[in-house]
Amino acid sequence: MTRRFVLVLVLLGSLGSCGFAVKHPAITAGIVGGSVALGSCELASADQKSCFAISGSVGVGLAVITAVALWLGYEDADPVPVEPAGDPTNLAPAPVFVPTPDQGPPVTKPSPEPPPADPVLPPPSEPPPPTPTPTP
């Protein structure tokens, strides 16, 4: 009976539009947090009473925290107008470089030689000393 009631509540809540979530973000955060807590608790434990108590407290706690955060950080007030730094119409155009015929083509630096693809190492000057054979 309890599972059916919770399932009906979740389905009814999900059938609504996003308007409720936008108007009431604290309640939405509590519902989502409680639903996630209930699902993870049901997967980890078989004790339904403690799962409902834990998920309910998580949902209410998250809703309260979100409501307090929104209350302290309310952003719907009109922002303070910022004065522009200056009049953008009085800016001088950027200078454009146009080479004259006596300047010639632009000079480019030659690219450096690429390193050899497979470097050749000189052979060793002396052979390595022989390793002693172990005696039984």
N, C-alpha and C. Protein backbone atom coordinates (compact mmCIF):
# COMPACT_ATOMS: atom_id res chain seq x y z
N MET A 1 0.83 -1.19 0.00
CA MET A 1 0.00 0.00 0.00
C MET A 1 0.87 1.25 0.00
N THR A 2 1.93 1.24 0.80
CA THR A 2 2.78 2.42 0.90
C THR A 2 3.54 2.64 -0.41
N ARG A 3 4.01 1.57 -1.01
CA ARG A 3 4.72 1.71 -2.28
C ARG A 3 3.81 2.27 -3.36
N ARG A 4 2.58 1.81 -3.38
CA ARG A 4 1.63 2.30 -4.38
C ARG A 4 1.37 3.80 -4.18
N PHE A 5 1.25 4.24 -2.94
CA PHE A 5 1.01 5.65 -2.65
C PHE A 5 2.19 6.50 -3.11
N VAL A 6 3.41 6.04 -2.80
CA VAL A 6 4.61 6.78 -3.22
C VAL A 6 4.72 6.80 -4.73
N LEU A 7 4.43 5.68 -5.38
CA LEU A 7 4.49 5.61 -6.83
C LEU A 7 3.49 6.57 -7.47
N VAL A 8 2.28 6.63 -6.93
CA VAL A 8 1.26 7.55 -7.45
C VAL A 8 1.71 8.99 -7.27
N LEU A 9 2.29 9.32 -6.11
CA LEU A 9 2.78 10.69 -5.89
C LEU A 9 3.89 11.06 -6.87
N VAL A 10 4.81 10.15 -7.10
CA VAL A 10 5.90 10.42 -8.03
C VAL A 10 5.38 10.59 -9.44
N LEU A 11 4.46 9.73 -9.86
CA LEU A 11 3.91 9.84 -11.20
C LEU A 11 3.11 11.12 -11.39
N LEU A 12 2.33 11.50 -10.38
CA LEU A 12 1.58 12.75 -10.48
C LEU A 12 2.51 13.95 -10.51
N GLY A 13 3.58 13.88 -9.75
CA GLY A 13 4.55 14.97 -9.77
C GLY A 13 5.29 15.08 -11.08
N SER A 14 5.54 13.94 -11.72
CA SER A 14 6.26 13.97 -12.99
C SER A 14 5.36 14.34 -14.16
N LEU A 15 4.06 14.21 -14.00
CA LEU A 15 3.17 14.57 -15.10
C LEU A 15 3.02 16.07 -15.27
N GLY A 16 3.34 16.84 -14.27
CA GLY A 16 3.24 18.29 -14.36
C GLY A 16 4.33 18.85 -15.25
N SER A 17 4.18 20.12 -15.58
CA SER A 17 5.18 20.75 -16.43
C SER A 17 6.34 21.27 -15.60
N CYS A 18 7.28 21.91 -16.22
CA CYS A 18 8.45 22.46 -15.53
C CYS A 18 8.11 23.75 -14.81
N GLY A 19 6.92 24.25 -14.99
CA GLY A 19 6.54 25.51 -14.34
C GLY A 19 6.60 25.42 -12.82
N PHE A 20 6.19 24.30 -12.26
CA PHE A 20 6.25 24.13 -10.81
C PHE A 20 7.70 24.14 -10.34
N ALA A 21 8.58 23.46 -11.08
CA ALA A 21 9.99 23.40 -10.69
C ALA A 21 10.64 24.77 -10.77
N VAL A 22 10.23 25.57 -11.74
CA VAL A 22 10.81 26.91 -11.88
C VAL A 22 10.29 27.82 -10.77
N LYS A 23 9.01 27.71 -10.43
CA LYS A 23 8.43 28.58 -9.41
C LYS A 23 8.85 28.17 -8.00
N HIS A 24 9.06 26.89 -7.77
CA HIS A 24 9.37 26.39 -6.43
C HIS A 24 10.61 25.50 -6.46
N PRO A 25 11.80 26.09 -6.61
CA PRO A 25 13.00 25.26 -6.74
C PRO A 25 13.36 24.53 -5.45
N ALA A 26 13.03 25.06 -4.30
CA ALA A 26 13.38 24.39 -3.04
C ALA A 26 12.57 23.10 -2.88
N ILE A 27 11.29 23.16 -3.19
CA ILE A 27 10.45 21.97 -3.08
C ILE A 27 10.91 20.93 -4.11
N THR A 28 11.25 21.39 -5.31
CA THR A 28 11.71 20.48 -6.34
C THR A 28 13.01 19.80 -5.92
N ALA A 29 13.93 20.54 -5.34
CA ALA A 29 15.19 19.95 -4.87
C ALA A 29 14.93 18.93 -3.78
N GLY A 30 13.99 19.21 -2.89
CA GLY A 30 13.65 18.26 -1.85
C GLY A 30 13.03 16.99 -2.39
N ILE A 31 12.15 17.12 -3.36
CA ILE A 31 11.51 15.94 -3.97
C ILE A 31 12.55 15.09 -4.69
N VAL A 32 13.41 15.73 -5.46
CA VAL A 32 14.42 14.98 -6.21
C VAL A 32 15.41 14.32 -5.26
N GLY A 33 15.88 15.06 -4.26
CA GLY A 33 16.82 14.49 -3.30
C GLY A 33 16.22 13.34 -2.51
N GLY A 34 14.97 13.49 -2.08
CA GLY A 34 14.30 12.42 -1.36
C GLY A 34 14.06 11.20 -2.23
N SER A 35 13.74 11.42 -3.51
CA SER A 35 13.53 10.29 -4.42
C SER A 35 14.82 9.52 -4.65
N VAL A 36 15.92 10.24 -4.84
CA VAL A 36 17.21 9.57 -5.03
C VAL A 36 17.61 8.82 -3.76
N ALA A 37 17.39 9.46 -2.60
CA ALA A 37 17.72 8.79 -1.33
C ALA A 37 16.86 7.54 -1.14
N LEU A 38 15.58 7.61 -1.48
CA LEU A 38 14.70 6.44 -1.33
C LEU A 38 15.13 5.31 -2.26
N GLY A 39 15.45 5.65 -3.49
CA GLY A 39 15.87 4.62 -4.44
C GLY A 39 17.16 3.95 -4.03
N SER A 40 18.13 4.74 -3.60
CA SER A 40 19.41 4.13 -3.20
C SER A 40 19.27 3.36 -1.89
N CYS A 41 18.42 3.80 -0.99
CA CYS A 41 18.22 3.07 0.27
C CYS A 41 17.48 1.76 0.00
N GLU A 42 16.50 1.78 -0.90
CA GLU A 42 15.78 0.55 -1.22
C GLU A 42 16.70 -0.48 -1.88
N LEU A 43 17.68 0.00 -2.65
CA LEU A 43 18.62 -0.93 -3.28
C LEU A 43 19.60 -1.52 -2.26
N ALA A 44 19.93 -0.75 -1.24
CA ALA A 44 20.95 -1.19 -0.28
C ALA A 44 20.35 -1.93 0.91
N SER A 45 19.10 -1.71 1.23
CA SER A 45 18.54 -2.28 2.46
C SER A 45 17.12 -2.78 2.19
N ALA A 46 16.67 -3.70 3.04
CA ALA A 46 15.32 -4.23 2.91
C ALA A 46 14.38 -3.62 3.95
N ASP A 47 14.90 -2.82 4.85
CA ASP A 47 14.09 -2.21 5.91
C ASP A 47 13.41 -0.96 5.35
N GLN A 48 12.10 -1.07 5.09
CA GLN A 48 11.39 0.03 4.44
C GLN A 48 11.11 1.19 5.40
N LYS A 49 10.90 0.91 6.66
CA LYS A 49 10.60 2.00 7.60
C LYS A 49 11.77 2.96 7.70
N SER A 50 12.96 2.41 7.84
CA SER A 50 14.11 3.30 7.95
C SER A 50 14.39 4.00 6.62
N CYS A 51 14.12 3.33 5.50
CA CYS A 51 14.34 3.97 4.20
C CYS A 51 13.41 5.17 4.01
N PHE A 52 12.14 5.01 4.40
CA PHE A 52 11.23 6.14 4.26
C PHE A 52 11.59 7.27 5.22
N ALA A 53 12.02 6.93 6.42
CA ALA A 53 12.44 7.97 7.37
C ALA A 53 13.67 8.70 6.87
N ILE A 54 14.64 7.96 6.35
CA ILE A 54 15.87 8.58 5.87
C ILE A 54 15.60 9.43 4.64
N SER A 55 14.85 8.90 3.68
CA SER A 55 14.59 9.67 2.46
C SER A 55 13.72 10.90 2.74
N GLY A 56 12.80 10.78 3.67
CA GLY A 56 11.99 11.95 4.03
C GLY A 56 12.83 13.03 4.68
N SER A 57 13.73 12.63 5.58
CA SER A 57 14.57 13.63 6.23
C SER A 57 15.56 14.25 5.24
N VAL A 58 16.06 13.44 4.30
CA VAL A 58 16.95 14.00 3.27
C VAL A 58 16.20 15.00 2.42
N GLY A 59 14.98 14.65 2.00
CA GLY A 59 14.19 15.56 1.18
C GLY A 59 13.86 16.86 1.88
N VAL A 60 13.43 16.76 3.14
CA VAL A 60 13.09 17.97 3.90
C VAL A 60 14.34 18.80 4.16
N GLY A 61 15.44 18.13 4.52
CA GLY A 61 16.68 18.86 4.78
C GLY A 61 17.19 19.59 3.55
N LEU A 62 17.16 18.92 2.41
CA LEU A 62 17.62 19.56 1.18
C LEU A 62 16.70 20.70 0.77
N ALA A 63 15.40 20.55 0.98
CA ALA A 63 14.47 21.63 0.66
C ALA A 63 14.72 22.84 1.55
N VAL A 64 14.98 22.61 2.84
CA VAL A 64 15.24 23.73 3.75
C VAL A 64 16.55 24.42 3.38
N ILE A 65 17.59 23.64 3.08
CA ILE A 65 18.88 24.24 2.71
C ILE A 65 18.73 25.06 1.43
N THR A 66 18.01 24.53 0.46
CA THR A 66 17.80 25.26 -0.79
C THR A 66 16.98 26.52 -0.57
N ALA A 67 15.97 26.44 0.27
CA ALA A 67 15.15 27.63 0.54
C ALA A 67 15.97 28.71 1.22
N VAL A 68 16.82 28.34 2.17
CA VAL A 68 17.66 29.33 2.85
C VAL A 68 18.67 29.92 1.88
N ALA A 69 19.26 29.10 1.03
CA ALA A 69 20.23 29.62 0.06
C ALA A 69 19.56 30.57 -0.93
N LEU A 70 18.36 30.24 -1.36
CA LEU A 70 17.65 31.14 -2.27
C LEU A 70 17.22 32.42 -1.57
N TRP A 71 16.87 32.32 -0.31
CA TRP A 71 16.46 33.50 0.44
C TRP A 71 17.63 34.45 0.64
N LEU A 72 18.82 33.88 0.91
CA LEU A 72 19.99 34.72 1.13
C LEU A 72 20.56 35.26 -0.18
N GLY A 73 20.43 34.52 -1.25
CA GLY A 73 21.02 34.93 -2.52
C GLY A 73 20.00 35.25 -3.56
N TYR A 74 19.01 36.03 -3.23
CA TYR A 74 17.93 36.36 -4.15
C TYR A 74 18.49 37.23 -5.28
N GLU A 75 18.25 36.84 -6.54
CA GLU A 75 18.84 37.54 -7.68
C GLU A 75 17.82 38.24 -8.56
N ASP A 76 16.59 38.33 -8.17
CA ASP A 76 15.59 38.96 -9.02
C ASP A 76 15.54 40.47 -8.89
N ALA A 77 16.36 41.04 -8.03
CA ALA A 77 16.38 42.50 -7.89
C ALA A 77 17.06 43.10 -9.12
N ASP A 78 16.73 44.34 -9.42
CA ASP A 78 17.34 45.01 -10.56
C ASP A 78 18.82 45.25 -10.28
N PRO A 79 19.68 44.90 -11.22
CA PRO A 79 21.10 45.13 -11.00
C PRO A 79 21.44 46.61 -11.08
N VAL A 80 22.51 46.97 -10.44
CA VAL A 80 22.96 48.37 -10.47
C VAL A 80 23.45 48.66 -11.88
N PRO A 81 22.95 49.75 -12.50
CA PRO A 81 23.39 50.03 -13.87
C PRO A 81 24.88 50.40 -13.90
N VAL A 82 25.56 49.92 -14.90
CA VAL A 82 26.98 50.20 -15.08
C VAL A 82 27.12 51.23 -16.19
N GLU A 83 27.87 52.29 -15.90
CA GLU A 83 28.06 53.32 -16.92
C GLU A 83 29.09 52.83 -17.93
N PRO A 84 28.88 53.12 -19.20
CA PRO A 84 29.86 52.68 -20.19
C PRO A 84 31.19 53.40 -19.99
N ALA A 85 32.28 52.75 -20.39
CA ALA A 85 33.63 53.30 -20.18
C ALA A 85 33.86 54.53 -21.04
N GLY A 86 33.27 54.62 -22.13
CA GLY A 86 33.45 55.79 -23.00
C GLY A 86 32.51 55.70 -24.18
N ASP A 87 32.55 56.72 -25.01
CA ASP A 87 31.70 56.76 -26.18
C ASP A 87 32.36 55.92 -27.28
N PRO A 88 31.74 54.83 -27.72
CA PRO A 88 32.39 53.99 -28.73
C PRO A 88 32.42 54.61 -30.12
N THR A 89 31.73 55.73 -30.34
CA THR A 89 31.71 56.33 -31.68
C THR A 89 32.92 57.20 -31.93
N ASN A 90 33.69 57.56 -30.90
CA ASN A 90 34.83 58.46 -31.11
C ASN A 90 36.15 57.71 -31.23
N LEU A 91 36.11 56.42 -31.49
CA LEU A 91 37.33 55.66 -31.63
C LEU A 91 37.93 55.86 -33.01
N ALA A 92 39.26 55.99 -33.06
CA ALA A 92 39.96 56.14 -34.34
C ALA A 92 40.05 54.77 -35.01
N PRO A 93 39.98 54.76 -36.34
CA PRO A 93 40.10 53.47 -37.01
C PRO A 93 41.53 52.91 -36.85
N ALA A 94 41.63 51.62 -36.87
CA ALA A 94 42.93 50.96 -36.72
C ALA A 94 43.76 51.21 -37.97
N PRO A 95 45.09 51.41 -37.80
CA PRO A 95 45.93 51.64 -38.98
C PRO A 95 46.06 50.36 -39.80
N VAL A 96 46.15 50.54 -41.11
CA VAL A 96 46.27 49.42 -42.02
C VAL A 96 47.61 49.55 -42.73
N PHE A 97 48.42 48.50 -42.74
CA PHE A 97 49.71 48.51 -43.41
C PHE A 97 49.53 48.08 -44.86
N VAL A 98 49.90 48.96 -45.77
CA VAL A 98 49.86 48.65 -47.19
C VAL A 98 51.28 48.84 -47.71
N PRO A 99 51.95 47.76 -48.15
CA PRO A 99 53.34 47.91 -48.61
C PRO A 99 53.39 48.69 -49.93
N THR A 100 54.41 49.50 -50.06
CA THR A 100 54.63 50.25 -51.30
C THR A 100 55.50 49.40 -52.22
N PRO A 101 55.55 49.71 -53.51
CA PRO A 101 56.34 48.90 -54.45
C PRO A 101 57.84 48.88 -54.11
N ASP A 102 58.39 49.94 -53.52
CA ASP A 102 59.82 49.95 -53.24
C ASP A 102 60.17 49.09 -52.00
N GLN A 103 59.20 48.68 -51.21
CA GLN A 103 59.49 47.86 -50.04
C GLN A 103 59.67 46.39 -50.40
N GLY A 104 59.14 45.94 -51.48
CA GLY A 104 59.33 44.57 -51.92
C GLY A 104 58.44 43.61 -51.14
N PRO A 105 58.62 42.32 -51.44
CA PRO A 105 57.79 41.33 -50.75
C PRO A 105 58.25 41.17 -49.30
N PRO A 106 57.38 40.68 -48.47
CA PRO A 106 57.77 40.48 -47.07
C PRO A 106 58.85 39.40 -46.96
N VAL A 107 59.75 39.59 -46.01
CA VAL A 107 60.85 38.67 -45.81
C VAL A 107 60.40 37.59 -44.83
N THR A 108 60.64 36.34 -45.22
CA THR A 108 60.30 35.24 -44.34
C THR A 108 61.58 34.55 -43.91
N LYS A 109 61.60 34.03 -42.73
CA LYS A 109 62.77 33.33 -42.21
C LYS A 109 62.78 31.91 -42.79
N PRO A 110 63.97 31.43 -43.15
CA PRO A 110 64.01 30.05 -43.64
C PRO A 110 63.73 29.09 -42.49
N SER A 111 63.08 28.00 -42.83
CA SER A 111 62.76 27.02 -41.80
C SER A 111 64.02 26.23 -41.46
N PRO A 112 64.20 25.85 -40.19
CA PRO A 112 65.40 25.09 -39.82
C PRO A 112 65.36 23.68 -40.41
N GLU A 113 66.53 23.09 -40.52
CA GLU A 113 66.64 21.74 -41.05
C GLU A 113 65.95 20.77 -40.09
N PRO A 114 65.16 19.85 -40.61
CA PRO A 114 64.53 18.88 -39.70
C PRO A 114 65.59 17.89 -39.20
N PRO A 115 65.43 17.38 -37.99
CA PRO A 115 66.41 16.41 -37.48
C PRO A 115 66.32 15.12 -38.28
N PRO A 116 67.41 14.35 -38.34
CA PRO A 116 67.35 13.10 -39.11
C PRO A 116 66.32 12.16 -38.51
N ALA A 117 65.68 11.42 -39.40
CA ALA A 117 64.60 10.55 -38.95
C ALA A 117 65.12 9.39 -38.12
N ASP A 118 66.29 8.81 -38.48
CA ASP A 118 66.82 7.66 -37.77
C ASP A 118 68.29 7.95 -37.44
N PRO A 119 68.60 8.44 -36.24
CA PRO A 119 69.99 8.77 -35.96
C PRO A 119 70.84 7.51 -35.92
N VAL A 120 72.07 7.64 -36.43
CA VAL A 120 72.99 6.51 -36.47
C VAL A 120 73.93 6.65 -35.29
N LEU A 121 74.04 5.60 -34.49
CA LEU A 121 74.92 5.61 -33.32
C LEU A 121 76.21 4.91 -33.69
N PRO A 122 77.37 5.42 -33.22
CA PRO A 122 78.63 4.74 -33.53
C PRO A 122 78.70 3.41 -32.77
N PRO A 123 79.42 2.44 -33.30
CA PRO A 123 79.53 1.16 -32.60
C PRO A 123 80.34 1.34 -31.32
N PRO A 124 80.12 0.47 -30.33
CA PRO A 124 80.88 0.61 -29.09
C PRO A 124 82.36 0.36 -29.33
N SER A 125 83.23 1.06 -28.59
CA SER A 125 84.67 0.96 -28.80
C SER A 125 85.22 -0.37 -28.28
N GLU A 126 84.75 -0.88 -27.19
CA GLU A 126 85.23 -2.13 -26.63
C GLU A 126 84.05 -3.06 -26.38
N PRO A 127 84.26 -4.35 -26.55
CA PRO A 127 83.15 -5.26 -26.22
C PRO A 127 82.99 -5.33 -24.71
N PRO A 128 81.80 -5.58 -24.24
CA PRO A 128 81.60 -5.65 -22.80
C PRO A 128 82.35 -6.87 -22.23
N PRO A 129 82.78 -6.78 -20.96
CA PRO A 129 83.52 -7.91 -20.37
C PRO A 129 82.59 -9.12 -20.24
N PRO A 130 83.13 -10.32 -20.41
CA PRO A 130 82.27 -11.51 -20.30
C PRO A 130 81.82 -11.72 -18.88
N THR A 131 80.62 -12.23 -18.74
CA THR A 131 80.09 -12.50 -17.41
C THR A 131 80.58 -13.85 -16.96
N PRO A 132 80.99 -14.00 -15.70
CA PRO A 132 81.48 -15.29 -15.25
C PRO A 132 80.33 -16.30 -15.21
N THR A 133 80.66 -17.50 -15.53
CA THR A 133 79.66 -18.57 -15.48
C THR A 133 79.53 -19.08 -14.05
N PRO A 134 78.34 -19.35 -13.59
CA PRO A 134 78.19 -19.80 -12.23
C PRO A 134 78.74 -21.23 -12.08
N THR A 135 79.34 -21.48 -10.94
CA THR A 135 79.86 -22.81 -10.67
C THR A 135 78.87 -23.57 -9.80
N PRO A 136 78.67 -24.83 -10.13
CA PRO A 136 77.69 -25.59 -9.33
C PRO A 136 78.23 -26.07 -8.02
